[in-house]
């Protein structure tokens, strides 16, 4: 594999490692804040910055914290969904879906990486003008086009992995906020005929929403 290709993969791996490391730092910081004594004096509360106070308020939000759900998912994909399901919604089925999505994207990354490297090496062997180099690929295949196609698919696979990672964080956050969206039993929608006066008496259909 060429130095340029190696640098490209190194860049992807560094980006993914940075995301995971940043999420872990955020979670550790949140746990540190959460572990502080809740009986702190008013004086110490004034010393804390408004950001820290707002963060603690959201982290300790009762009875359910969307911030916790988001940070849990950022640190460990699926953890936010588990936190939400355990608290109120019982939607445990979301956890395997998250890992199926991440696993599928990872599988495509592995497959496309393998094929890209193979066809790239075959293309290099084809154009290096070395009679001792053996090309094992199908001679009917356009090696240049094929290796470029797998390169594009590899980029899309990495993008899909990142998108799925952030979508599961958003899902955990939205689902946690839905905890406070109350739909009462008295909510009803009814239709009934009505009389409309627009200069002359006409009949119509009235829709009423009862909260």
N, C-alpha and C. Protein backbone atom coordinates (compact mmCIF):
# COMPACT_ATOMS: atom_id res chain seq x y z
N UNK A 1 0.85 -1.19 0.00
CA UNK A 1 0.00 0.00 0.00
C UNK A 1 0.89 1.24 0.00
N UNK A 2 0.56 2.21 -0.81
CA UNK A 2 1.37 3.41 -0.95
C UNK A 2 1.30 4.26 0.29
N UNK A 3 2.28 5.17 0.43
CA UNK A 3 2.32 6.06 1.60
C UNK A 3 1.09 6.95 1.62
N UNK A 4 0.64 7.41 0.43
CA UNK A 4 -0.54 8.29 0.37
C UNK A 4 -1.78 7.57 0.85
N UNK A 5 -1.93 6.29 0.44
CA UNK A 5 -3.09 5.50 0.87
C UNK A 5 -3.04 5.23 2.36
N UNK A 6 -1.82 4.92 2.84
CA UNK A 6 -1.67 4.65 4.27
C UNK A 6 -2.01 5.87 5.09
N UNK A 7 -1.60 7.04 4.62
CA UNK A 7 -1.92 8.28 5.33
C UNK A 7 -3.42 8.54 5.35
N UNK A 8 -4.08 8.15 4.26
CA UNK A 8 -5.54 8.37 4.18
C UNK A 8 -6.26 7.53 5.22
N UNK A 9 -5.87 6.24 5.35
CA UNK A 9 -6.50 5.39 6.34
C UNK A 9 -6.16 5.83 7.76
N UNK A 10 -4.93 6.30 7.93
CA UNK A 10 -4.53 6.81 9.24
C UNK A 10 -5.39 8.00 9.64
N UNK A 11 -5.72 8.85 8.66
CA UNK A 11 -6.56 10.02 8.93
C UNK A 11 -7.95 9.59 9.38
N UNK A 12 -8.53 8.58 8.72
CA UNK A 12 -9.85 8.10 9.11
C UNK A 12 -9.81 7.54 10.52
N UNK A 13 -8.81 6.72 10.80
CA UNK A 13 -8.73 6.09 12.11
C UNK A 13 -8.52 7.12 13.21
N UNK A 14 -7.71 8.13 12.94
CA UNK A 14 -7.50 9.19 13.94
C UNK A 14 -8.79 9.94 14.21
N UNK A 15 -9.58 10.18 13.15
CA UNK A 15 -10.85 10.91 13.32
C UNK A 15 -11.81 10.12 14.19
N UNK A 16 -11.94 8.81 13.94
CA UNK A 16 -12.85 7.99 14.72
C UNK A 16 -12.35 7.87 16.16
N UNK A 17 -11.04 7.72 16.34
CA UNK A 17 -10.49 7.63 17.69
C UNK A 17 -10.70 8.93 18.46
N UNK A 18 -10.61 10.06 17.75
CA UNK A 18 -10.82 11.36 18.39
C UNK A 18 -12.25 11.49 18.87
N UNK A 19 -13.22 11.03 18.06
CA UNK A 19 -14.64 11.11 18.45
C UNK A 19 -14.88 10.27 19.70
N UNK A 20 -14.37 9.03 19.70
CA UNK A 20 -14.58 8.15 20.84
C UNK A 20 -13.90 8.69 22.09
N UNK A 21 -12.67 9.21 21.93
CA UNK A 21 -11.93 9.73 23.08
C UNK A 21 -12.61 10.97 23.65
N UNK A 22 -13.11 11.86 22.77
CA UNK A 22 -13.79 13.07 23.24
C UNK A 22 -15.06 12.73 24.00
N UNK A 23 -15.81 11.75 23.47
CA UNK A 23 -17.05 11.34 24.15
C UNK A 23 -16.74 10.76 25.52
N UNK A 24 -15.64 9.98 25.61
CA UNK A 24 -15.27 9.40 26.90
C UNK A 24 -14.88 10.47 27.90
N UNK A 25 -14.15 11.49 27.44
CA UNK A 25 -13.76 12.59 28.34
C UNK A 25 -14.99 13.33 28.85
N UNK A 26 -15.96 13.56 27.94
CA UNK A 26 -17.17 14.27 28.35
C UNK A 26 -17.93 13.47 29.41
N UNK A 27 -18.02 12.15 29.19
CA UNK A 27 -18.73 11.31 30.15
C UNK A 27 -18.03 11.27 31.50
N UNK A 28 -16.70 11.17 31.48
CA UNK A 28 -15.96 11.16 32.73
C UNK A 28 -16.11 12.48 33.48
N UNK A 29 -16.11 13.59 32.74
CA UNK A 29 -16.31 14.89 33.36
C UNK A 29 -17.70 15.00 33.97
N UNK A 30 -18.69 14.46 33.24
CA UNK A 30 -20.06 14.51 33.75
C UNK A 30 -20.21 13.69 35.02
N UNK A 31 -19.58 12.50 35.03
CA UNK A 31 -19.65 11.66 36.23
C UNK A 31 -18.96 12.34 37.41
N UNK A 32 -17.88 13.06 37.12
CA UNK A 32 -17.18 13.78 38.19
C UNK A 32 -18.06 14.86 38.79
N UNK A 33 -18.79 15.56 37.91
CA UNK A 33 -19.69 16.60 38.40
C UNK A 33 -20.84 15.98 39.19
N UNK A 34 -21.34 14.85 38.69
CA UNK A 34 -22.47 14.20 39.34
C UNK A 34 -22.10 13.67 40.72
N UNK A 35 -20.81 13.32 40.89
CA UNK A 35 -20.36 12.74 42.14
C UNK A 35 -20.13 13.78 43.23
N UNK A 36 -20.23 15.04 42.89
CA UNK A 36 -20.02 16.09 43.89
C UNK A 36 -21.12 16.03 44.95
N UNK A 37 -20.78 16.48 46.13
CA UNK A 37 -21.73 16.44 47.25
C UNK A 37 -22.90 17.36 46.97
N UNK A 38 -24.12 16.79 47.03
CA UNK A 38 -25.33 17.58 46.76
C UNK A 38 -25.65 18.54 47.88
N UNK A 39 -24.97 18.39 49.01
CA UNK A 39 -25.23 19.27 50.16
C UNK A 39 -24.22 20.41 50.24
N UNK A 40 -23.64 20.78 49.12
CA UNK A 40 -22.64 21.86 49.11
C UNK A 40 -23.29 23.15 49.58
N UNK A 41 -22.51 24.02 50.14
CA UNK A 41 -23.03 25.27 50.69
C UNK A 41 -23.37 26.25 49.59
N UNK A 42 -24.14 27.30 49.94
CA UNK A 42 -24.50 28.31 48.96
C UNK A 42 -23.27 29.05 48.45
N UNK A 43 -22.27 29.19 49.31
CA UNK A 43 -21.05 29.89 48.90
C UNK A 43 -20.34 29.16 47.79
N UNK A 44 -20.21 27.82 47.91
CA UNK A 44 -19.55 27.03 46.87
C UNK A 44 -20.37 27.02 45.60
N UNK A 45 -21.69 27.10 45.72
CA UNK A 45 -22.56 27.13 44.54
C UNK A 45 -22.34 28.40 43.74
N UNK A 46 -22.08 29.52 44.45
CA UNK A 46 -21.84 30.78 43.76
C UNK A 46 -20.49 30.78 43.04
N UNK A 47 -19.52 30.00 43.59
CA UNK A 47 -18.20 29.94 42.98
C UNK A 47 -18.25 29.23 41.64
N UNK A 48 -19.09 28.20 41.52
CA UNK A 48 -19.19 27.45 40.28
C UNK A 48 -19.71 28.35 39.16
N UNK A 49 -19.18 28.14 37.98
CA UNK A 49 -19.57 28.95 36.83
C UNK A 49 -21.00 28.64 36.42
N UNK A 50 -21.67 29.57 35.74
CA UNK A 50 -23.04 29.32 35.28
C UNK A 50 -23.13 28.09 34.38
N UNK A 51 -22.07 27.85 33.59
CA UNK A 51 -22.09 26.67 32.71
C UNK A 51 -22.13 25.39 33.52
N UNK A 52 -21.29 25.32 34.56
CA UNK A 52 -21.24 24.13 35.40
C UNK A 52 -22.56 23.93 36.13
N UNK A 53 -23.13 25.02 36.62
CA UNK A 53 -24.41 24.91 37.31
C UNK A 53 -25.51 24.44 36.37
N UNK A 54 -25.51 24.99 35.14
CA UNK A 54 -26.52 24.56 34.17
C UNK A 54 -26.31 23.10 33.78
N UNK A 55 -25.04 22.70 33.65
CA UNK A 55 -24.74 21.32 33.29
C UNK A 55 -25.21 20.37 34.39
N UNK A 56 -24.91 20.71 35.64
CA UNK A 56 -25.33 19.88 36.76
C UNK A 56 -26.84 19.80 36.86
N UNK A 57 -27.49 20.93 36.58
CA UNK A 57 -28.95 20.95 36.65
C UNK A 57 -29.55 20.00 35.62
N UNK A 58 -29.00 20.02 34.42
CA UNK A 58 -29.51 19.14 33.36
C UNK A 58 -29.13 17.69 33.63
N UNK A 59 -27.93 17.49 34.19
CA UNK A 59 -27.48 16.14 34.45
C UNK A 59 -28.33 15.48 35.55
N UNK A 60 -28.69 16.27 36.57
CA UNK A 60 -29.48 15.75 37.69
C UNK A 60 -30.98 15.94 37.47
N UNK A 61 -31.37 16.23 36.26
CA UNK A 61 -32.78 16.50 35.94
C UNK A 61 -33.64 15.29 36.31
N UNK A 62 -34.69 15.54 37.04
CA UNK A 62 -35.58 14.49 37.50
C UNK A 62 -36.94 14.62 36.80
N UNK A 63 -37.57 13.49 36.49
CA UNK A 63 -37.13 12.12 36.76
C UNK A 63 -36.26 11.51 35.66
N UNK A 64 -36.01 12.25 34.58
CA UNK A 64 -35.24 11.68 33.46
C UNK A 64 -34.41 12.79 32.82
N UNK A 65 -33.15 12.48 32.48
CA UNK A 65 -32.24 13.49 31.96
C UNK A 65 -31.87 13.22 30.50
N UNK A 66 -32.32 14.08 29.56
CA UNK A 66 -31.90 13.94 28.16
C UNK A 66 -30.39 14.09 27.98
N UNK A 67 -29.76 14.89 28.85
CA UNK A 67 -28.31 15.06 28.76
C UNK A 67 -27.59 13.75 29.05
N UNK A 68 -28.05 13.03 30.05
CA UNK A 68 -27.45 11.74 30.36
C UNK A 68 -27.61 10.78 29.18
N UNK A 69 -28.80 10.75 28.60
CA UNK A 69 -29.05 9.85 27.48
C UNK A 69 -28.11 10.15 26.33
N UNK A 70 -27.90 11.43 26.04
CA UNK A 70 -27.03 11.83 24.93
C UNK A 70 -25.57 11.46 25.20
N UNK A 71 -25.10 11.76 26.40
CA UNK A 71 -23.69 11.48 26.72
C UNK A 71 -23.42 9.99 26.84
N UNK A 72 -24.39 9.25 27.35
CA UNK A 72 -24.22 7.80 27.41
C UNK A 72 -24.06 7.22 26.00
N UNK A 73 -24.89 7.70 25.07
CA UNK A 73 -24.80 7.21 23.69
C UNK A 73 -23.51 7.65 23.02
N UNK A 74 -23.03 8.85 23.39
CA UNK A 74 -21.77 9.33 22.81
C UNK A 74 -20.60 8.48 23.29
N UNK A 75 -20.63 8.09 24.57
CA UNK A 75 -19.53 7.30 25.13
C UNK A 75 -19.61 5.84 24.70
N UNK A 76 -20.83 5.30 24.64
CA UNK A 76 -21.02 3.90 24.26
C UNK A 76 -22.31 3.79 23.45
N UNK A 77 -22.21 3.61 22.13
CA UNK A 77 -23.41 3.53 21.28
C UNK A 77 -24.41 2.52 21.84
N UNK A 78 -25.67 2.95 21.92
CA UNK A 78 -26.73 2.10 22.43
C UNK A 78 -26.99 2.28 23.91
N UNK A 79 -26.02 2.88 24.65
CA UNK A 79 -26.20 3.05 26.10
C UNK A 79 -27.31 4.05 26.40
N UNK A 80 -27.44 5.09 25.57
CA UNK A 80 -28.51 6.06 25.78
C UNK A 80 -29.88 5.45 25.55
N UNK A 81 -29.98 4.59 24.54
CA UNK A 81 -31.25 3.89 24.27
C UNK A 81 -31.61 2.96 25.44
N UNK A 82 -30.59 2.31 26.00
CA UNK A 82 -30.83 1.42 27.15
C UNK A 82 -31.28 2.24 28.36
N UNK A 83 -30.66 3.40 28.56
CA UNK A 83 -31.03 4.27 29.68
C UNK A 83 -32.48 4.72 29.54
N UNK A 84 -32.89 5.09 28.33
CA UNK A 84 -34.27 5.52 28.11
C UNK A 84 -35.25 4.36 28.31
N UNK A 85 -34.89 3.20 27.76
CA UNK A 85 -35.78 2.04 27.85
C UNK A 85 -35.94 1.59 29.29
N UNK A 86 -34.86 1.63 30.04
CA UNK A 86 -34.91 1.21 31.43
C UNK A 86 -35.73 2.17 32.27
N UNK A 87 -35.74 3.43 31.89
CA UNK A 87 -36.43 4.45 32.68
C UNK A 87 -37.94 4.44 32.46
N UNK A 88 -38.34 4.33 31.19
CA UNK A 88 -39.79 4.49 30.98
C UNK A 88 -40.35 3.83 29.73
N UNK A 89 -39.63 3.79 28.64
CA UNK A 89 -40.27 3.41 27.38
C UNK A 89 -40.21 1.92 27.08
N UNK A 90 -39.27 1.20 27.71
CA UNK A 90 -39.09 -0.23 27.48
C UNK A 90 -38.76 -0.56 26.02
N UNK A 91 -38.15 0.41 25.32
CA UNK A 91 -37.80 0.18 23.91
C UNK A 91 -36.40 -0.43 23.81
N UNK A 92 -36.24 -1.60 24.39
CA UNK A 92 -34.93 -2.24 24.36
C UNK A 92 -34.54 -2.69 22.95
N UNK A 93 -35.54 -2.81 22.07
CA UNK A 93 -35.27 -3.26 20.70
C UNK A 93 -34.41 -2.26 19.93
N UNK A 94 -34.30 -1.03 20.42
CA UNK A 94 -33.48 -0.04 19.73
C UNK A 94 -31.98 -0.34 19.86
N UNK A 95 -31.61 -0.98 20.97
CA UNK A 95 -30.18 -1.25 21.21
C UNK A 95 -29.60 -2.17 20.15
N UNK A 96 -30.22 -3.33 19.86
CA UNK A 96 -29.65 -4.17 18.80
C UNK A 96 -29.68 -3.51 17.43
N UNK A 97 -30.66 -2.63 17.17
CA UNK A 97 -30.71 -1.93 15.89
C UNK A 97 -29.49 -1.03 15.73
N UNK A 98 -29.11 -0.36 16.83
CA UNK A 98 -27.92 0.50 16.78
C UNK A 98 -26.69 -0.31 16.41
N UNK A 99 -26.54 -1.47 17.04
CA UNK A 99 -25.34 -2.28 16.79
C UNK A 99 -25.39 -2.99 15.43
N UNK A 100 -26.60 -3.29 14.96
CA UNK A 100 -26.72 -3.85 13.62
C UNK A 100 -26.26 -2.82 12.59
N UNK A 101 -26.69 -1.56 12.80
CA UNK A 101 -26.28 -0.49 11.88
C UNK A 101 -24.79 -0.26 11.91
N UNK A 102 -24.21 -0.15 13.11
CA UNK A 102 -22.77 0.05 13.23
C UNK A 102 -21.99 -1.15 12.72
N UNK A 103 -22.50 -2.34 13.00
CA UNK A 103 -21.83 -3.56 12.54
C UNK A 103 -21.86 -3.68 11.02
N UNK A 104 -23.00 -3.31 10.42
CA UNK A 104 -23.10 -3.36 8.96
C UNK A 104 -22.13 -2.40 8.31
N UNK A 105 -22.07 -1.18 8.83
CA UNK A 105 -21.14 -0.19 8.29
C UNK A 105 -19.70 -0.65 8.45
N UNK A 106 -19.38 -1.24 9.61
CA UNK A 106 -18.03 -1.75 9.84
C UNK A 106 -17.71 -2.89 8.89
N UNK A 107 -18.70 -3.76 8.64
CA UNK A 107 -18.50 -4.87 7.71
C UNK A 107 -18.20 -4.37 6.30
N UNK A 108 -18.92 -3.33 5.86
CA UNK A 108 -18.65 -2.76 4.54
C UNK A 108 -17.26 -2.11 4.49
N UNK A 109 -16.85 -1.49 5.60
CA UNK A 109 -15.51 -0.90 5.65
C UNK A 109 -14.44 -1.97 5.46
N UNK A 110 -14.59 -3.08 6.18
CA UNK A 110 -13.61 -4.18 6.07
C UNK A 110 -13.60 -4.76 4.66
N UNK A 111 -14.80 -5.02 4.12
CA UNK A 111 -14.89 -5.61 2.79
C UNK A 111 -14.34 -4.68 1.70
N UNK A 112 -14.75 -3.42 1.76
CA UNK A 112 -14.29 -2.46 0.74
C UNK A 112 -12.79 -2.18 0.86
N UNK A 113 -12.28 -2.19 2.08
CA UNK A 113 -10.84 -1.99 2.27
C UNK A 113 -10.06 -3.14 1.64
N UNK A 114 -10.53 -4.36 1.89
CA UNK A 114 -9.86 -5.54 1.34
C UNK A 114 -9.86 -5.51 -0.19
N UNK A 115 -11.03 -5.23 -0.77
CA UNK A 115 -11.13 -5.21 -2.24
C UNK A 115 -10.36 -4.05 -2.85
N UNK A 116 -10.40 -2.91 -2.19
CA UNK A 116 -9.68 -1.75 -2.71
C UNK A 116 -8.17 -2.02 -2.73
N UNK A 117 -7.66 -2.57 -1.67
CA UNK A 117 -6.23 -2.87 -1.62
C UNK A 117 -5.84 -3.91 -2.67
N UNK A 118 -6.72 -4.91 -2.83
CA UNK A 118 -6.41 -5.97 -3.81
C UNK A 118 -6.36 -5.40 -5.23
N UNK A 119 -7.41 -4.70 -5.63
CA UNK A 119 -7.46 -4.20 -7.01
C UNK A 119 -6.44 -3.08 -7.24
N UNK A 120 -6.10 -2.35 -6.21
CA UNK A 120 -5.07 -1.33 -6.35
C UNK A 120 -3.71 -1.98 -6.61
N UNK A 121 -3.42 -3.05 -5.83
CA UNK A 121 -2.16 -3.75 -6.03
C UNK A 121 -2.10 -4.42 -7.40
N UNK A 122 -3.24 -4.92 -7.87
CA UNK A 122 -3.29 -5.54 -9.19
C UNK A 122 -3.10 -4.50 -10.29
N UNK A 123 -3.66 -3.34 -10.09
CA UNK A 123 -3.50 -2.26 -11.08
C UNK A 123 -2.04 -1.81 -11.14
N UNK A 124 -1.42 -1.68 -9.97
CA UNK A 124 -0.01 -1.30 -9.93
C UNK A 124 0.86 -2.34 -10.63
N UNK A 125 0.52 -3.62 -10.37
CA UNK A 125 1.27 -4.70 -11.01
C UNK A 125 1.07 -4.70 -12.53
N UNK A 126 -0.09 -4.26 -12.95
CA UNK A 126 -0.39 -4.25 -14.39
C UNK A 126 0.38 -3.17 -15.14
N UNK A 127 0.63 -2.04 -14.47
CA UNK A 127 1.24 -0.90 -15.16
C UNK A 127 2.71 -0.67 -14.78
N UNK A 128 3.31 -1.57 -14.01
CA UNK A 128 4.68 -1.31 -13.56
C UNK A 128 5.75 -1.75 -14.56
N UNK A 129 5.33 -2.36 -15.69
CA UNK A 129 6.26 -2.77 -16.76
C UNK A 129 7.31 -3.76 -16.28
N UNK A 130 6.98 -4.50 -15.24
CA UNK A 130 7.89 -5.53 -14.74
C UNK A 130 7.39 -6.89 -15.22
N UNK A 131 8.13 -7.59 -16.08
CA UNK A 131 7.66 -8.87 -16.62
C UNK A 131 7.54 -9.96 -15.55
N UNK A 132 8.18 -9.78 -14.43
CA UNK A 132 8.11 -10.77 -13.36
C UNK A 132 6.88 -10.61 -12.47
N UNK A 133 6.17 -9.48 -12.65
CA UNK A 133 4.97 -9.24 -11.86
C UNK A 133 3.79 -10.00 -12.46
N UNK A 134 3.09 -10.73 -11.61
CA UNK A 134 1.97 -11.55 -12.07
C UNK A 134 0.65 -10.89 -11.66
N UNK A 135 -0.23 -10.71 -12.62
CA UNK A 135 -1.56 -10.17 -12.36
C UNK A 135 -2.54 -11.32 -12.27
N UNK A 136 -3.16 -11.51 -11.13
CA UNK A 136 -4.07 -12.63 -10.90
C UNK A 136 -5.53 -12.26 -11.09
N UNK A 137 -5.82 -10.97 -11.25
CA UNK A 137 -7.22 -10.55 -11.41
C UNK A 137 -7.74 -10.93 -12.79
N UNK A 138 -9.06 -10.94 -12.91
CA UNK A 138 -9.71 -11.24 -14.19
C UNK A 138 -9.24 -10.23 -15.24
N UNK A 139 -8.69 -10.69 -16.34
CA UNK A 139 -8.18 -9.76 -17.36
C UNK A 139 -9.27 -8.92 -18.01
N UNK A 140 -10.53 -9.34 -17.88
CA UNK A 140 -11.63 -8.58 -18.48
C UNK A 140 -12.05 -7.39 -17.62
N UNK A 141 -11.50 -7.32 -16.40
CA UNK A 141 -11.87 -6.25 -15.48
C UNK A 141 -10.96 -5.05 -15.69
N UNK A 142 -11.58 -3.86 -15.72
CA UNK A 142 -10.81 -2.62 -15.78
C UNK A 142 -10.32 -2.33 -14.35
N UNK A 143 -9.06 -2.65 -14.09
CA UNK A 143 -8.55 -2.56 -12.73
C UNK A 143 -8.54 -1.14 -12.20
N UNK A 144 -8.24 -0.17 -13.04
CA UNK A 144 -8.20 1.22 -12.59
C UNK A 144 -9.58 1.69 -12.14
N UNK A 145 -10.57 1.40 -12.96
CA UNK A 145 -11.95 1.80 -12.63
C UNK A 145 -12.46 1.06 -11.40
N UNK A 146 -12.12 -0.22 -11.30
CA UNK A 146 -12.61 -1.04 -10.19
C UNK A 146 -12.03 -0.58 -8.86
N UNK A 147 -10.71 -0.31 -8.85
CA UNK A 147 -10.12 0.13 -7.58
C UNK A 147 -10.62 1.51 -7.18
N UNK A 148 -10.91 2.37 -8.15
CA UNK A 148 -11.48 3.68 -7.85
C UNK A 148 -12.90 3.55 -7.30
N UNK A 149 -13.66 2.59 -7.86
CA UNK A 149 -15.02 2.37 -7.38
C UNK A 149 -15.03 1.89 -5.93
N UNK A 150 -14.14 0.96 -5.61
CA UNK A 150 -14.05 0.48 -4.23
C UNK A 150 -13.55 1.57 -3.29
N UNK A 151 -12.73 2.46 -3.81
CA UNK A 151 -12.26 3.59 -3.01
C UNK A 151 -13.45 4.49 -2.62
N UNK A 152 -14.33 4.76 -3.59
CA UNK A 152 -15.52 5.58 -3.31
C UNK A 152 -16.43 4.88 -2.30
N UNK A 153 -16.62 3.58 -2.49
CA UNK A 153 -17.47 2.82 -1.55
C UNK A 153 -16.87 2.81 -0.15
N UNK A 154 -15.55 2.76 -0.08
CA UNK A 154 -14.89 2.79 1.22
C UNK A 154 -15.14 4.12 1.92
N UNK A 155 -15.04 5.22 1.17
CA UNK A 155 -15.34 6.53 1.75
C UNK A 155 -16.78 6.60 2.25
N UNK A 156 -17.71 6.07 1.45
CA UNK A 156 -19.12 6.07 1.85
C UNK A 156 -19.35 5.22 3.09
N UNK A 157 -18.60 4.13 3.20
CA UNK A 157 -18.74 3.26 4.38
C UNK A 157 -18.31 3.98 5.64
N UNK A 158 -17.22 4.71 5.57
CA UNK A 158 -16.77 5.49 6.73
C UNK A 158 -17.79 6.58 7.07
N UNK A 159 -18.32 7.24 6.04
CA UNK A 159 -19.32 8.27 6.27
C UNK A 159 -20.57 7.68 6.91
N UNK A 160 -20.98 6.50 6.46
CA UNK A 160 -22.16 5.84 7.02
C UNK A 160 -21.96 5.51 8.49
N UNK A 161 -20.76 5.06 8.83
CA UNK A 161 -20.47 4.73 10.22
C UNK A 161 -20.59 5.96 11.11
N UNK A 162 -20.06 7.09 10.64
CA UNK A 162 -20.12 8.34 11.42
C UNK A 162 -21.57 8.82 11.54
N UNK A 163 -22.32 8.74 10.43
CA UNK A 163 -23.72 9.18 10.43
C UNK A 163 -24.55 8.34 11.40
N UNK A 164 -24.38 7.02 11.37
CA UNK A 164 -25.13 6.14 12.27
C UNK A 164 -24.77 6.44 13.72
N UNK A 165 -23.49 6.72 13.97
CA UNK A 165 -23.05 7.05 15.34
C UNK A 165 -23.77 8.29 15.86
N UNK A 166 -23.82 9.34 15.04
CA UNK A 166 -24.47 10.58 15.49
C UNK A 166 -25.99 10.45 15.51
N UNK A 167 -26.56 9.65 14.61
CA UNK A 167 -28.01 9.47 14.62
C UNK A 167 -28.48 8.77 15.90
N UNK A 168 -27.71 7.81 16.38
CA UNK A 168 -28.14 7.13 17.61
C UNK A 168 -28.03 8.06 18.82
N UNK A 169 -27.12 9.05 18.77
CA UNK A 169 -27.07 10.05 19.84
C UNK A 169 -28.31 10.94 19.78
N UNK A 170 -28.66 11.37 18.56
CA UNK A 170 -29.84 12.21 18.38
C UNK A 170 -31.10 11.47 18.80
N UNK A 171 -31.19 10.19 18.43
CA UNK A 171 -32.35 9.38 18.80
C UNK A 171 -32.49 9.29 20.32
N UNK A 172 -31.37 9.06 21.01
CA UNK A 172 -31.42 8.97 22.47
C UNK A 172 -31.87 10.29 23.09
N UNK A 173 -31.38 11.40 22.54
CA UNK A 173 -31.75 12.72 23.07
C UNK A 173 -33.24 13.01 22.85
N UNK A 174 -33.73 12.76 21.64
CA UNK A 174 -35.13 13.03 21.32
C UNK A 174 -36.05 12.13 22.14
N UNK A 175 -35.68 10.85 22.23
CA UNK A 175 -36.51 9.91 22.99
C UNK A 175 -36.57 10.30 24.46
N UNK A 176 -35.47 10.82 25.00
CA UNK A 176 -35.46 11.25 26.40
C UNK A 176 -36.35 12.48 26.60
N UNK A 177 -36.33 13.41 25.62
CA UNK A 177 -37.20 14.58 25.72
C UNK A 177 -38.68 14.18 25.64
N UNK A 178 -38.98 13.10 24.93
CA UNK A 178 -40.38 12.66 24.80
C UNK A 178 -40.94 12.19 26.14
N UNK A 179 -40.05 11.94 27.10
CA UNK A 179 -40.51 11.55 28.43
C UNK A 179 -41.40 12.63 29.03
N UNK A 180 -41.14 13.89 28.69
CA UNK A 180 -41.90 15.01 29.23
C UNK A 180 -43.04 15.44 28.33
N UNK A 181 -43.23 14.71 27.23
CA UNK A 181 -44.34 15.02 26.33
C UNK A 181 -45.53 14.18 26.75
N UNK A 182 -46.44 14.81 27.47
CA UNK A 182 -47.56 14.08 28.06
C UNK A 182 -48.77 14.08 27.13
N UNK A 183 -49.25 12.88 26.84
CA UNK A 183 -50.49 12.73 26.08
C UNK A 183 -51.52 12.13 27.03
N UNK A 184 -52.43 12.95 27.49
CA UNK A 184 -53.41 12.49 28.45
C UNK A 184 -54.48 11.62 27.82
N UNK A 185 -55.21 10.90 28.67
CA UNK A 185 -56.28 10.03 28.20
C UNK A 185 -57.47 10.81 27.69
N UNK A 186 -57.54 12.11 28.05
CA UNK A 186 -58.68 12.92 27.64
C UNK A 186 -58.51 13.49 26.23
N UNK A 187 -57.35 13.23 25.61
CA UNK A 187 -57.13 13.74 24.26
C UNK A 187 -58.04 13.01 23.28
N UNK A 188 -58.83 13.76 22.50
CA UNK A 188 -59.74 13.14 21.55
C UNK A 188 -59.98 14.06 20.36
N UNK A 189 -60.27 13.46 19.23
CA UNK A 189 -60.57 14.20 18.01
C UNK A 189 -61.93 13.74 17.52
N UNK A 190 -62.83 14.69 17.31
CA UNK A 190 -64.20 14.32 16.90
C UNK A 190 -64.65 15.14 15.70
N UNK A 191 -65.52 14.52 14.90
CA UNK A 191 -66.11 15.16 13.72
C UNK A 191 -67.63 15.20 13.90
N UNK A 192 -68.21 16.33 13.54
CA UNK A 192 -69.67 16.40 13.60
C UNK A 192 -70.15 17.48 12.62
N UNK A 193 -71.37 17.33 12.14
CA UNK A 193 -71.89 18.32 11.19
C UNK A 193 -72.16 19.66 11.87
N UNK A 194 -72.08 20.74 11.09
CA UNK A 194 -72.33 22.07 11.65
C UNK A 194 -72.98 22.95 10.59
N UNK A 195 -73.53 24.07 11.05
CA UNK A 195 -74.17 25.03 10.14
C UNK A 195 -73.29 26.27 10.07
N UNK A 196 -72.92 26.72 8.86
CA UNK A 196 -72.05 27.86 8.65
C UNK A 196 -72.85 28.99 8.02
N UNK A 197 -72.77 30.19 8.61
CA UNK A 197 -73.48 31.35 8.09
C UNK A 197 -72.48 32.24 7.34
N UNK A 198 -72.51 32.18 6.02
CA UNK A 198 -71.63 33.01 5.18
C UNK A 198 -72.46 33.93 4.28
N UNK A 199 -73.50 34.45 4.83
CA UNK A 199 -74.44 35.24 4.03
C UNK A 199 -75.68 34.43 3.71
N UNK A 200 -75.46 33.15 3.70
CA UNK A 200 -76.57 32.23 3.55
C UNK A 200 -76.26 30.98 4.36
N UNK A 201 -77.29 30.29 4.79
CA UNK A 201 -77.12 29.13 5.65
C UNK A 201 -76.62 27.96 4.80
N UNK A 202 -75.45 27.40 5.19
CA UNK A 202 -74.92 26.21 4.51
C UNK A 202 -74.48 25.21 5.57
N UNK A 203 -74.41 23.97 5.17
CA UNK A 203 -73.97 22.91 6.08
C UNK A 203 -72.49 22.64 5.88
N UNK A 204 -71.85 22.14 6.90
CA UNK A 204 -70.42 21.84 6.81
C UNK A 204 -70.04 20.76 7.81
N UNK A 205 -68.73 20.54 7.89
CA UNK A 205 -68.19 19.52 8.81
C UNK A 205 -67.27 20.22 9.78
N UNK A 206 -67.49 19.99 11.07
CA UNK A 206 -66.70 20.62 12.13
C UNK A 206 -65.79 19.58 12.77
N UNK A 207 -64.54 20.01 13.03
CA UNK A 207 -63.56 19.14 13.69
C UNK A 207 -63.18 19.77 15.02
N UNK A 208 -63.25 19.02 16.09
CA UNK A 208 -62.90 19.55 17.40
C UNK A 208 -61.84 18.65 18.05
N UNK A 209 -60.86 19.29 18.67
CA UNK A 209 -59.80 18.58 19.38
C UNK A 209 -59.93 18.88 20.87
N UNK A 210 -60.09 17.85 21.68
CA UNK A 210 -60.26 18.01 23.11
C UNK A 210 -58.98 17.58 23.81
N UNK A 211 -58.44 18.47 24.64
CA UNK A 211 -57.21 18.18 25.39
C UNK A 211 -57.54 17.92 26.85
